[in-house]
């Protein structure tokens, strides 16, 4: 049997394939970016067919770098950008429209329409989620409304819906499935029953026939064909849930924050859904086979790493993402400049679709370094907002925040984050915890790892950042940030 486990990590800006050994160490990795399609302000799309091609390419690339064959893998896991929505023809396998990305805001009119009766939280008791442009159910409703023949095809089962996990699983092994974590992000699944909720389907006029089967996060779903011929697909987790699992946050009160295109903080809350009164969302953490589900509180931030990408691609402020830290270090502080990246509105804890991005506090003194520093600091301020809400909801003051994702290599950001939280920030030795979580789910289902004790044993800290800022300075900066946030509101009628 294979001596490694693979993980497909299908993200917002790129797709990767990573191969892990029993210690959870990376053995091989390959990655490809895909196009970000922005046909109108607030609209963000992906070509699902391009993503599928890239997924196959990175699998071949990672295998080739070590001279591996599919038989060298015991199993493969899959993790994905969660709410991104695609529909395709069951018979041809062709997408019927570009995928609508999680940050796309075109469903804002639908949000207003369905909020008129019962308000934005009318579905929160069942789903843990407010009505917002973020989630998949209304994206599907938009596609059924705007793609000719889609509603009729969905009712007959000839048109299929899925988030990117479903799309990739369908192409690999012909199964129309999703796991509980991804299903919990559609706003169509009941958190108690872990099944599609018929009342919500009727409300949104979504045919059950187009929906995937909901499965656990860790079981053998089928065997792949093509580039992974014969390898069991045995783990599926939405990306942030996979990071929670890969960070070994397996006990209530443990929390992680992933710094990617956006920022996503999850806290394990145990075996029952924990309602939020502070602007967070209640979601599935993970479900291992027949074991009871584990739930989580989540604070989602739309734009963090994407802000650095915007500075690079749209403004030309930097030539590469890695240049942001030295540019920010060229100045001792932000010079009074604050950047609110509400490009897709504000997510947790505000949930304000009417917000838009702004730069506040500009003077003739401000330069490129101050803008770069303000961009990094915006990530830390938004994370502070979420952690404050999580502490109020749970009543738990975390002892440390475990961090992962591409931005955690930025020492300036991580130190400022610890300063803003007033709590230690800890980076693990393996920072690819999203892919690692999916690999763990697959490996547990196929006996590669014996139990979650192996996950705990594998986790090791690489570096700690401890608060060094005076409390008065921390609160002054955070107060100025909140002032800037108020200026970003009510920009969209």
Protein backbone atom coordinates (compact mmCIF):
# COMPACT_ATOMS: atom_id res chain seq x y z
CA UNK A 1 0.00 0.00 0.00
CA UNK A 2 1.07 3.59 -0.64
CA UNK A 3 3.35 5.25 1.86
CA UNK A 4 2.01 8.78 1.41
CA UNK A 5 -1.25 10.71 1.36
CA UNK A 6 -2.10 13.45 -1.13
CA UNK A 7 -4.27 16.54 -0.78
CA UNK A 8 -5.92 18.67 -3.43
CA UNK A 9 -6.12 22.26 -2.17
CA UNK A 10 -8.41 24.16 -4.52
CA UNK A 11 -8.21 27.78 -3.39
CA UNK A 12 -9.51 31.15 -4.48
CA UNK A 13 -6.46 32.16 -6.49
CA UNK A 14 -4.72 28.84 -7.19
CA UNK A 15 -4.95 25.06 -7.08
CA UNK A 16 -2.29 22.91 -5.42
CA UNK A 17 -1.47 19.29 -4.85
CA UNK A 18 0.60 18.42 -1.79
CA UNK A 19 1.94 15.02 -0.78
CA UNK A 20 2.51 14.31 2.93
CA UNK A 21 4.31 11.59 4.86
CA UNK A 22 3.23 10.05 8.18
CA UNK A 23 4.75 12.90 10.19
CA UNK A 24 2.62 15.39 8.29
CA UNK A 25 5.71 16.71 6.49
CA UNK A 26 5.48 17.98 2.92
CA UNK A 27 7.15 15.62 0.48
CA UNK A 28 6.16 17.30 -2.79
CA UNK A 29 4.02 20.24 -3.92
CA UNK A 30 2.90 21.84 -7.18
CA UNK A 31 0.70 24.90 -7.73
CA UNK A 32 -1.02 26.85 -10.52
CA UNK A 33 -2.95 30.13 -10.41
CA UNK A 34 -6.20 30.57 -12.29
CA UNK A 35 -7.84 33.64 -13.77
CA UNK A 36 -9.87 36.04 -11.64
CA UNK A 37 -12.76 37.17 -13.83
CA UNK A 38 -14.40 40.47 -12.80
CA UNK A 39 -17.06 41.38 -15.39
CA UNK A 40 -18.59 44.15 -13.22
CA UNK A 41 -17.81 45.88 -9.93
CA UNK A 42 -18.51 43.40 -7.13
CA UNK A 43 -18.76 40.42 -9.49
CA UNK A 44 -16.04 37.75 -9.26
CA UNK A 45 -16.05 34.57 -11.33
CA UNK A 46 -13.86 31.54 -12.02
CA UNK A 47 -13.74 29.23 -15.01
CA UNK A 48 -14.55 25.86 -13.42
CA UNK A 49 -13.19 23.99 -16.46
CA UNK A 50 -9.86 25.83 -16.09
CA UNK A 51 -9.74 24.90 -12.41
CA UNK A 52 -10.32 21.23 -13.24
CA UNK A 53 -7.54 21.29 -15.86
CA UNK A 54 -5.18 22.98 -13.41
CA UNK A 55 -6.04 20.45 -10.72
CA UNK A 56 -4.98 17.60 -12.98
CA UNK A 57 -1.81 19.45 -13.96
CA UNK A 58 -0.66 20.11 -10.38
CA UNK A 59 -1.31 16.49 -9.41
CA UNK A 60 0.89 15.32 -12.27
CA UNK A 61 3.50 17.93 -11.35
CA UNK A 62 3.73 16.96 -7.68
CA UNK A 63 3.94 13.26 -8.51
CA UNK A 64 6.60 13.84 -11.16
CA UNK A 65 8.84 15.89 -8.85
CA UNK A 66 9.42 12.79 -6.72
CA UNK A 67 9.02 10.18 -9.44
CA UNK A 68 5.83 8.91 -7.76
CA UNK A 69 2.95 7.01 -9.33
CA UNK A 70 -0.66 7.06 -8.08
CA UNK A 71 -0.02 3.73 -6.35
CA UNK A 72 2.39 5.50 -3.99
CA UNK A 73 -0.60 7.27 -2.39
CA UNK A 74 -2.74 5.48 0.16
CA UNK A 75 -5.55 7.96 -0.39
CA UNK A 76 -6.24 11.56 -1.32
CA UNK A 77 -8.15 14.33 0.44
CA UNK A 78 -9.81 17.39 -1.03
CA UNK A 79 -10.17 20.87 0.42
CA UNK A 80 -11.66 23.84 -1.35
CA UNK A 81 -12.80 27.45 -1.43
CA UNK A 82 -16.18 26.93 0.10
CA UNK A 83 -19.11 29.03 -1.10
CA UNK A 84 -17.97 29.33 -4.72
CA UNK A 85 -20.88 27.98 -6.77
CA UNK A 86 -21.00 26.12 -10.07
CA UNK A 87 -23.72 24.35 -12.06
CA UNK A 88 -23.04 21.80 -14.79
CA UNK A 89 -24.74 19.40 -17.18
CA UNK A 90 -24.99 15.90 -15.69
CA UNK A 91 -24.58 14.25 -19.11
CA UNK A 92 -21.82 16.31 -20.73
CA UNK A 93 -20.01 17.41 -17.56
CA UNK A 94 -19.78 20.95 -18.97
CA UNK A 95 -20.26 23.98 -16.69
CA UNK A 96 -23.25 26.09 -17.72
CA UNK A 97 -21.77 29.37 -16.42
CA UNK A 98 -18.61 30.60 -14.80
CA UNK A 99 -18.50 29.75 -11.11
CA UNK A 100 -19.69 32.55 -8.82
CA UNK A 101 -16.90 33.11 -6.28
CA UNK A 102 -17.64 33.37 -2.56
CA UNK A 103 -16.81 37.10 -2.50
CA UNK A 104 -19.14 37.90 -5.42
CA UNK A 105 -21.87 40.36 -4.40
CA UNK A 106 -24.36 40.11 -7.29
CA UNK A 107 -26.99 38.50 -5.03
CA UNK A 108 -27.40 41.67 -2.96
CA UNK A 109 -30.90 42.25 -4.36
CA UNK A 110 -31.89 38.70 -3.42
CA UNK A 111 -30.54 39.25 0.08
CA UNK A 112 -32.72 42.36 0.44
CA UNK A 113 -35.74 40.54 -0.99
CA UNK A 114 -35.53 37.57 1.36
CA UNK A 115 -34.68 39.79 4.36
CA UNK A 116 -37.94 41.75 4.07
CA UNK A 117 -39.91 39.06 5.87
CA UNK A 118 -38.14 38.10 9.09
CA UNK A 119 -34.94 40.11 8.66
CA UNK A 120 -31.37 39.16 7.86
CA UNK A 121 -31.31 36.48 10.58
CA UNK A 122 -34.49 34.66 9.61
CA UNK A 123 -32.56 31.47 8.72
CA UNK A 124 -29.87 31.72 11.40
CA UNK A 125 -31.54 29.30 13.85
CA UNK A 126 -31.55 26.50 11.27
CA UNK A 127 -28.36 27.26 9.36
CA UNK A 128 -26.21 29.36 11.70
CA UNK A 129 -25.86 31.95 8.93
CA UNK A 130 -27.28 35.41 8.23
CA UNK A 131 -28.71 36.19 4.83
CA UNK A 132 -25.69 37.54 2.94
CA UNK A 133 -24.17 37.54 -0.53
CA UNK A 134 -21.41 35.28 0.85
CA UNK A 135 -23.26 31.95 0.92
CA UNK A 136 -24.01 29.52 -1.91
CA UNK A 137 -27.79 29.13 -1.79
CA UNK A 138 -28.61 32.55 -3.23
CA UNK A 139 -25.75 32.26 -5.73
CA UNK A 140 -27.46 29.09 -6.97
CA UNK A 141 -30.79 30.94 -7.09
CA UNK A 142 -29.16 33.65 -9.24
CA UNK A 143 -27.75 31.05 -11.66
CA UNK A 144 -31.10 29.27 -11.94
CA UNK A 145 -32.70 32.64 -12.72
CA UNK A 146 -30.15 33.76 -15.32
CA UNK A 147 -28.93 30.64 -17.16
CA UNK A 148 -31.50 29.62 -19.80
CA UNK A 149 -33.10 26.26 -19.00
CA UNK A 150 -31.24 25.88 -15.70
CA UNK A 151 -34.32 25.82 -13.45
CA UNK A 152 -36.03 23.14 -15.54
CA UNK A 153 -32.81 21.13 -15.78
CA UNK A 154 -32.25 21.37 -12.03
CA UNK A 155 -35.78 20.10 -11.35
CA UNK A 156 -35.17 17.05 -13.58
CA UNK A 157 -31.70 16.39 -12.18
CA UNK A 158 -30.04 17.09 -15.53
CA UNK A 159 -28.38 20.21 -14.11
CA UNK A 160 -26.24 19.67 -11.02
CA UNK A 161 -25.14 22.17 -8.37
CA UNK A 162 -22.04 22.06 -6.27
CA UNK A 163 -19.34 23.98 -4.54
CA UNK A 164 -15.83 23.28 -5.82
CA UNK A 165 -15.47 20.08 -3.79
CA UNK A 166 -18.51 18.63 -5.55
CA UNK A 167 -17.22 19.74 -8.95
CA UNK A 168 -13.81 18.12 -8.47
CA UNK A 169 -15.21 14.95 -6.87
CA UNK A 170 -17.62 14.58 -9.80
CA UNK A 171 -14.79 14.83 -12.29
CA UNK A 172 -12.55 12.43 -10.35
CA UNK A 173 -14.91 9.63 -9.46
CA UNK A 174 -18.31 10.44 -10.92
CA UNK A 175 -19.98 10.92 -7.51
CA UNK A 176 -22.28 13.90 -6.88
CA UNK A 177 -21.34 14.50 -3.24
CA UNK A 178 -20.33 17.12 -0.74
CA UNK A 179 -19.35 16.95 2.92
CA UNK A 180 -21.10 18.46 5.92
CA UNK A 181 -18.67 21.38 6.21
CA UNK A 182 -19.22 22.57 2.65
CA UNK A 183 -22.96 21.88 2.87
CA UNK A 184 -23.12 24.04 6.00
CA UNK A 185 -21.97 27.02 3.89
CA UNK A 186 -24.80 26.83 1.37
CA UNK A 187 -27.48 28.14 3.77
CA UNK A 188 -29.55 25.19 2.60
CA UNK A 189 -28.49 22.60 5.21
CA UNK A 190 -30.04 22.23 8.65
CA UNK A 191 -27.30 22.17 11.31
CA UNK A 192 -29.25 19.71 13.47
CA UNK A 193 -30.29 17.15 10.85
CA UNK A 194 -27.22 17.55 8.56
CA UNK A 195 -29.60 17.32 5.62
CA UNK A 196 -31.01 19.77 3.09
CA UNK A 197 -33.85 21.70 4.73
CA UNK A 198 -37.03 21.41 2.68
CA UNK A 199 -38.54 24.65 3.99
CA UNK A 200 -35.47 26.62 2.87
CA UNK A 201 -35.42 24.83 -0.49
CA UNK A 202 -39.06 25.84 -0.96
CA UNK A 203 -38.32 29.42 0.12
CA UNK A 204 -35.50 29.77 -2.42
CA UNK A 205 -37.31 27.59 -5.02
CA UNK A 206 -34.34 25.24 -5.33
CA UNK A 207 -35.04 21.69 -6.56
CA UNK A 208 -33.62 18.95 -4.33
CA UNK A 209 -32.79 16.93 -7.48
CA UNK A 210 -29.85 19.22 -8.34
CA UNK A 211 -28.21 18.99 -4.91
CA UNK A 212 -25.32 16.67 -3.99
CA UNK A 213 -25.53 13.94 -1.36
CA UNK A 214 -24.21 15.14 2.01
CA UNK A 215 -21.53 12.88 3.47
CA UNK A 216 -19.09 12.99 6.39
CA UNK A 217 -15.67 14.64 6.07
CA UNK A 218 -13.69 11.40 6.39
CA UNK A 219 -14.76 8.24 4.56
CA UNK A 220 -14.01 6.51 1.29
CA UNK A 221 -16.22 8.25 -1.27
CA UNK A 222 -14.95 6.42 -4.34
CA UNK A 223 -11.85 5.70 -6.38
CA UNK A 224 -10.40 8.28 -8.74
CA UNK A 225 -9.91 7.84 -12.44
CA UNK A 226 -7.45 9.64 -14.71
CA UNK A 227 -4.31 11.14 -13.17
CA UNK A 228 -5.01 9.50 -9.79
CA UNK A 229 -6.37 6.27 -11.22
CA UNK A 230 -7.41 3.88 -8.48
CA UNK A 231 -6.57 6.12 -5.50
CA UNK A 232 -9.41 6.40 -2.95
CA UNK A 233 -10.91 9.86 -2.48
CA UNK A 234 -11.39 9.64 1.28
CA UNK A 235 -11.51 13.14 2.76
CA UNK A 236 -13.44 16.32 1.94
CA UNK A 237 -13.39 19.49 4.04
CA UNK A 238 -14.01 23.13 3.25
CA UNK A 239 -10.71 24.96 3.44
CA UNK A 240 -11.18 26.66 6.80
CA UNK A 241 -12.53 23.53 8.46
CA UNK A 242 -9.57 21.62 7.07
CA UNK A 243 -7.23 24.18 8.63
CA UNK A 244 -8.98 23.82 12.00
CA UNK A 245 -8.44 20.06 11.76
CA UNK A 246 -4.87 20.36 10.47
CA UNK A 247 -4.04 22.76 13.33
CA UNK A 248 -5.13 20.04 15.79
CA UNK A 249 -7.83 22.30 17.26
CA UNK A 250 -9.71 19.22 18.40
CA UNK A 251 -11.01 20.44 21.76
CA UNK A 252 -13.59 23.13 22.58
CA UNK A 253 -12.00 26.56 23.00
CA UNK A 254 -9.09 25.96 20.64
CA UNK A 255 -8.97 28.46 17.77
CA UNK A 256 -7.05 29.09 14.56
CA UNK A 257 -6.89 31.91 12.02
CA UNK A 258 -6.03 31.31 8.38
CA UNK A 259 -4.50 34.23 6.47
CA UNK A 260 -5.21 33.75 2.78
CA UNK A 261 -7.25 35.67 0.23
CA UNK A 262 -9.46 36.47 3.20
CA UNK A 263 -9.06 35.70 6.90
CA UNK A 264 -11.06 33.01 8.63
CA UNK A 265 -11.00 32.38 12.36
CA UNK A 266 -12.65 29.23 13.71
CA UNK A 267 -13.08 28.10 17.29
CA UNK A 268 -13.99 24.50 18.13
CA UNK A 269 -17.19 24.60 20.21
CA UNK A 270 -17.79 20.87 20.62
CA UNK A 271 -20.73 18.58 19.90
CA UNK A 272 -23.58 21.11 19.70
CA UNK A 273 -24.18 24.18 17.53
CA UNK A 274 -23.31 27.35 19.46
CA UNK A 275 -25.51 30.30 18.48
CA UNK A 276 -23.83 33.67 18.02
CA UNK A 277 -25.20 36.99 19.20
CA UNK A 278 -22.11 38.99 18.19
CA UNK A 279 -22.04 38.77 14.40
CA UNK A 280 -20.28 35.40 14.00
CA UNK A 281 -21.61 32.36 12.21
CA UNK A 282 -22.25 28.86 13.50
CA UNK A 283 -20.86 26.16 11.26
CA UNK A 284 -19.70 22.56 11.13
CA UNK A 285 -16.14 22.02 12.26
CA UNK A 286 -15.79 18.48 10.87
CA UNK A 287 -17.37 15.03 11.01
CA UNK A 288 -15.26 11.88 11.01
CA UNK A 289 -17.16 8.94 9.55
CA UNK A 290 -19.97 7.79 11.85
CA UNK A 291 -18.73 9.85 14.83
CA UNK A 292 -20.88 12.78 16.02
CA UNK A 293 -20.26 16.11 14.27
CA UNK A 294 -18.04 18.78 15.79
CA UNK A 295 -19.24 22.38 15.49
CA UNK A 296 -17.43 25.71 15.39
CA UNK A 297 -17.90 29.46 15.60
CA UNK A 298 -16.42 31.35 12.68
CA UNK A 299 -15.56 34.91 11.86
CA UNK A 300 -15.04 35.45 8.11
CA UNK A 301 -13.14 38.42 6.68
CA UNK A 302 -13.43 38.90 2.93
CA UNK A 303 -10.25 40.75 2.00
CA UNK A 304 -6.78 40.35 3.56
CA UNK A 305 -4.24 38.68 1.27
CA UNK A 306 -6.36 39.84 -1.65
CA UNK A 307 -5.53 43.40 -0.56
CA UNK A 308 -1.83 42.75 -1.10
CA UNK A 309 -2.70 41.25 -4.49
CA UNK A 310 -4.70 44.40 -5.30
CA UNK A 311 -1.78 46.65 -4.38
CA UNK A 312 0.38 44.58 -6.72
CA UNK A 313 -1.94 44.05 -9.68
CA UNK A 314 -4.20 47.10 -9.68
CA UNK A 315 -2.00 49.85 -8.26
CA UNK A 316 1.49 48.59 -9.11
CA UNK A 317 2.62 49.59 -5.61
CA UNK A 318 4.73 46.42 -5.38
CA UNK A 319 6.05 44.01 -8.00
CA UNK A 320 5.55 40.85 -5.93
CA UNK A 321 3.60 40.00 -2.78
CA UNK A 322 6.85 39.35 -0.92
CA UNK A 323 7.78 43.04 -1.33
CA UNK A 324 4.98 44.22 0.98
CA UNK A 325 6.88 43.53 4.23
CA UNK A 326 10.13 45.40 3.43
CA UNK A 327 8.11 48.31 2.04
CA UNK A 328 5.98 48.41 5.22
CA UNK A 329 9.15 48.20 7.33
CA UNK A 330 10.55 51.29 5.59
CA UNK A 331 8.41 53.42 7.91
CA UNK A 332 8.17 53.16 11.73
CA UNK A 333 4.35 53.30 11.84
CA UNK A 334 1.31 53.86 9.63
CA UNK A 335 1.68 57.65 9.62
CA UNK A 336 -1.98 58.01 10.57
CA UNK A 337 -3.13 56.08 7.46
CA UNK A 338 -5.89 53.45 7.76
CA UNK A 339 -7.11 51.26 4.89
CA UNK A 340 -10.52 49.57 5.12
CA UNK A 341 -10.63 46.87 2.40
CA UNK A 342 -14.42 46.57 2.11
CA UNK A 343 -14.23 45.62 -1.57
CA UNK A 344 -17.07 43.11 -1.13
CA UNK A 345 -18.71 44.82 1.82
CA UNK A 346 -17.76 43.88 5.36
CA UNK A 347 -18.25 40.34 6.64
CA UNK A 348 -18.00 39.36 10.34
CA UNK A 349 -18.85 40.85 12.69
CA UNK A 350 -20.49 43.71 10.74
CA UNK A 351 -22.28 41.96 7.83
CA UNK A 352 -22.64 45.20 5.90
CA UNK A 353 -22.99 44.70 2.17
CA UNK A 354 -23.29 48.48 1.75
CA UNK A 355 -19.69 49.12 2.85
CA UNK A 356 -16.94 49.89 0.35
CA UNK A 357 -13.19 50.27 0.67
CA UNK A 358 -11.48 53.49 1.63
CA UNK A 359 -8.17 55.00 2.68
CA UNK A 360 -8.44 57.42 5.61
CA UNK A 361 -5.98 59.77 7.28
CA UNK A 362 -3.98 60.79 4.20
CA UNK A 363 -1.69 63.83 4.44
CA UNK A 364 1.22 65.06 2.31
CA UNK A 365 3.45 63.15 4.76
CA UNK A 366 2.02 59.76 3.69
CA UNK A 367 4.03 57.67 1.24
CA UNK A 368 4.10 54.17 -0.30
CA UNK A 369 5.45 52.66 2.91
CA UNK A 370 2.59 54.01 4.98
CA UNK A 371 0.04 52.60 2.53
CA UNK A 372 1.78 49.20 2.58
CA UNK A 373 1.83 49.23 6.38
CA UNK A 374 -1.84 50.23 6.54
CA UNK A 375 -2.70 47.31 4.28
CA UNK A 376 -0.99 44.80 6.59
CA UNK A 377 -2.43 46.41 9.71
CA UNK A 378 -5.96 46.16 8.23
CA UNK A 379 -5.64 42.38 8.46
CA UNK A 380 -4.74 42.55 12.15
CA UNK A 381 -7.50 45.03 13.01
CA UNK A 382 -10.15 42.90 11.31
CA UNK A 383 -8.87 39.80 13.12
CA UNK A 384 -9.10 41.68 16.44
CA UNK A 385 -12.74 42.52 15.68
CA UNK A 386 -13.52 38.85 15.10
CA UNK A 387 -11.66 37.61 18.17
CA UNK A 388 -13.41 40.16 20.38
CA UNK A 389 -16.78 38.88 19.08
CA UNK A 390 -15.71 35.26 19.59
CA UNK A 391 -14.70 35.97 23.18
CA UNK A 392 -18.05 37.65 23.89
CA UNK A 393 -20.00 34.77 22.32
CA UNK A 394 -18.10 31.89 23.89
CA UNK A 395 -17.05 33.45 27.17
CA UNK A 396 -13.60 31.97 26.54
CA UNK A 397 -10.47 34.14 26.42
CA UNK A 398 -8.10 32.19 24.22
CA UNK A 399 -4.64 31.39 25.54
CA UNK A 400 -3.08 31.61 22.08
CA UNK A 401 -4.10 31.97 18.44
CA UNK A 402 -2.77 29.34 16.06
CA UNK A 403 -2.14 30.83 12.62
CA UNK A 404 -1.56 29.48 9.14
CA UNK A 405 -1.81 30.47 5.49
CA UNK A 406 0.40 32.38 3.11
CA UNK A 407 0.60 35.63 5.10
CA UNK A 408 2.05 34.07 8.27
CA UNK A 409 5.56 34.24 6.81
CA UNK A 410 5.25 38.01 7.29
CA UNK A 411 6.94 38.65 10.65
CA UNK A 412 5.86 42.30 10.79
CA UNK A 413 2.22 41.33 10.40
CA UNK A 414 2.41 38.52 12.96
CA UNK A 415 4.02 40.76 15.58
CA UNK A 416 1.43 43.47 14.98
CA UNK A 417 -1.28 40.82 15.22
CA UNK A 418 -0.04 39.72 18.66
CA UNK A 419 0.11 43.38 19.68
CA UNK A 420 -3.49 43.99 18.56
CA UNK A 421 -4.83 40.87 20.27
CA UNK A 422 -2.84 41.21 23.45
CA UNK A 423 -2.29 37.45 23.19
CA UNK A 424 0.42 35.15 21.78
CA UNK A 425 0.31 34.17 18.10
CA UNK A 426 1.74 30.75 17.24
CA UNK A 427 2.84 29.53 13.81
CA UNK A 428 3.14 25.75 13.35
CA UNK A 429 6.12 24.06 11.79
CA UNK A 430 3.96 23.02 8.80
CA UNK A 431 1.96 26.08 7.70
CA UNK A 432 0.08 24.29 4.90
CA UNK A 433 -2.52 23.23 7.43
CA UNK A 434 -5.47 23.47 5.03
CA UNK A 435 -4.07 20.75 2.78
CA UNK A 436 -2.76 18.87 5.81
CA UNK A 437 -6.25 18.76 7.35
CA UNK A 438 -7.67 17.25 4.16
CA UNK A 439 -4.81 14.72 4.10
CA UNK A 440 -5.50 13.79 7.73
CA UNK A 441 -9.20 13.22 6.95
CA UNK A 442 -8.28 10.94 4.03
CA UNK A 443 -5.54 9.14 5.94
CA UNK A 444 -7.77 8.43 8.94
CA UNK A 445 -10.42 6.92 6.66
CA UNK A 446 -7.89 4.54 5.08
CA UNK A 447 -5.81 3.57 8.12
CA UNK A 448 -2.76 5.65 7.21
CA UNK A 449 -3.13 7.32 10.63
CA UNK A 450 -4.65 5.41 13.52
CA UNK A 451 -6.50 8.19 15.33
CA UNK A 452 -6.63 11.92 15.98
CA UNK A 453 -3.90 11.35 18.60
CA UNK A 454 -1.51 11.14 15.63
CA UNK A 455 -2.61 14.61 14.54
CA UNK A 456 -1.92 16.05 17.97
CA UNK A 457 1.47 14.31 18.09
CA UNK A 458 2.46 15.69 14.68
CA UNK A 459 1.61 19.32 15.49
CA UNK A 460 4.65 21.38 16.50
CA UNK A 461 5.13 25.12 17.00
CA UNK A 462 7.66 26.87 14.79
CA UNK A 463 7.53 30.39 16.25
CA UNK A 464 5.71 32.44 18.89
CA UNK A 465 5.01 36.17 18.75
CA UNK A 466 4.13 37.79 22.07
CA UNK A 467 2.48 41.19 22.63
CA UNK A 468 4.98 44.03 22.93
CA UNK A 469 2.74 47.10 22.52
CA UNK A 470 1.42 49.11 25.46
CA UNK A 471 -2.30 48.63 26.05
CA UNK A 472 -2.97 52.36 25.64
CA UNK A 473 -1.34 52.48 22.22
CA UNK A 474 -3.17 49.31 21.16
CA UNK A 475 -6.57 50.73 22.03
CA UNK A 476 -5.80 54.10 20.45
CA UNK A 477 -4.95 52.47 17.11
CA UNK A 478 -7.96 50.16 17.29
CA UNK A 479 -10.20 53.13 18.05
CA UNK A 480 -8.92 54.94 14.95
CA UNK A 481 -9.56 51.78 12.89
CA UNK A 482 -13.16 51.66 14.12
CA UNK A 483 -13.55 55.32 13.18
CA UNK A 484 -12.37 54.53 9.65
CA UNK A 485 -14.79 51.59 9.44
CA UNK A 486 -17.74 53.87 10.20
CA UNK A 487 -16.71 56.03 7.24
CA UNK A 488 -16.87 52.99 4.92
CA UNK A 489 -20.55 52.29 5.58
CA UNK A 490 -23.63 53.31 3.54
CA UNK A 491 -21.73 53.71 0.26
CA UNK A 492 -24.15 51.49 -1.68
CA UNK A 493 -27.87 52.26 -1.71
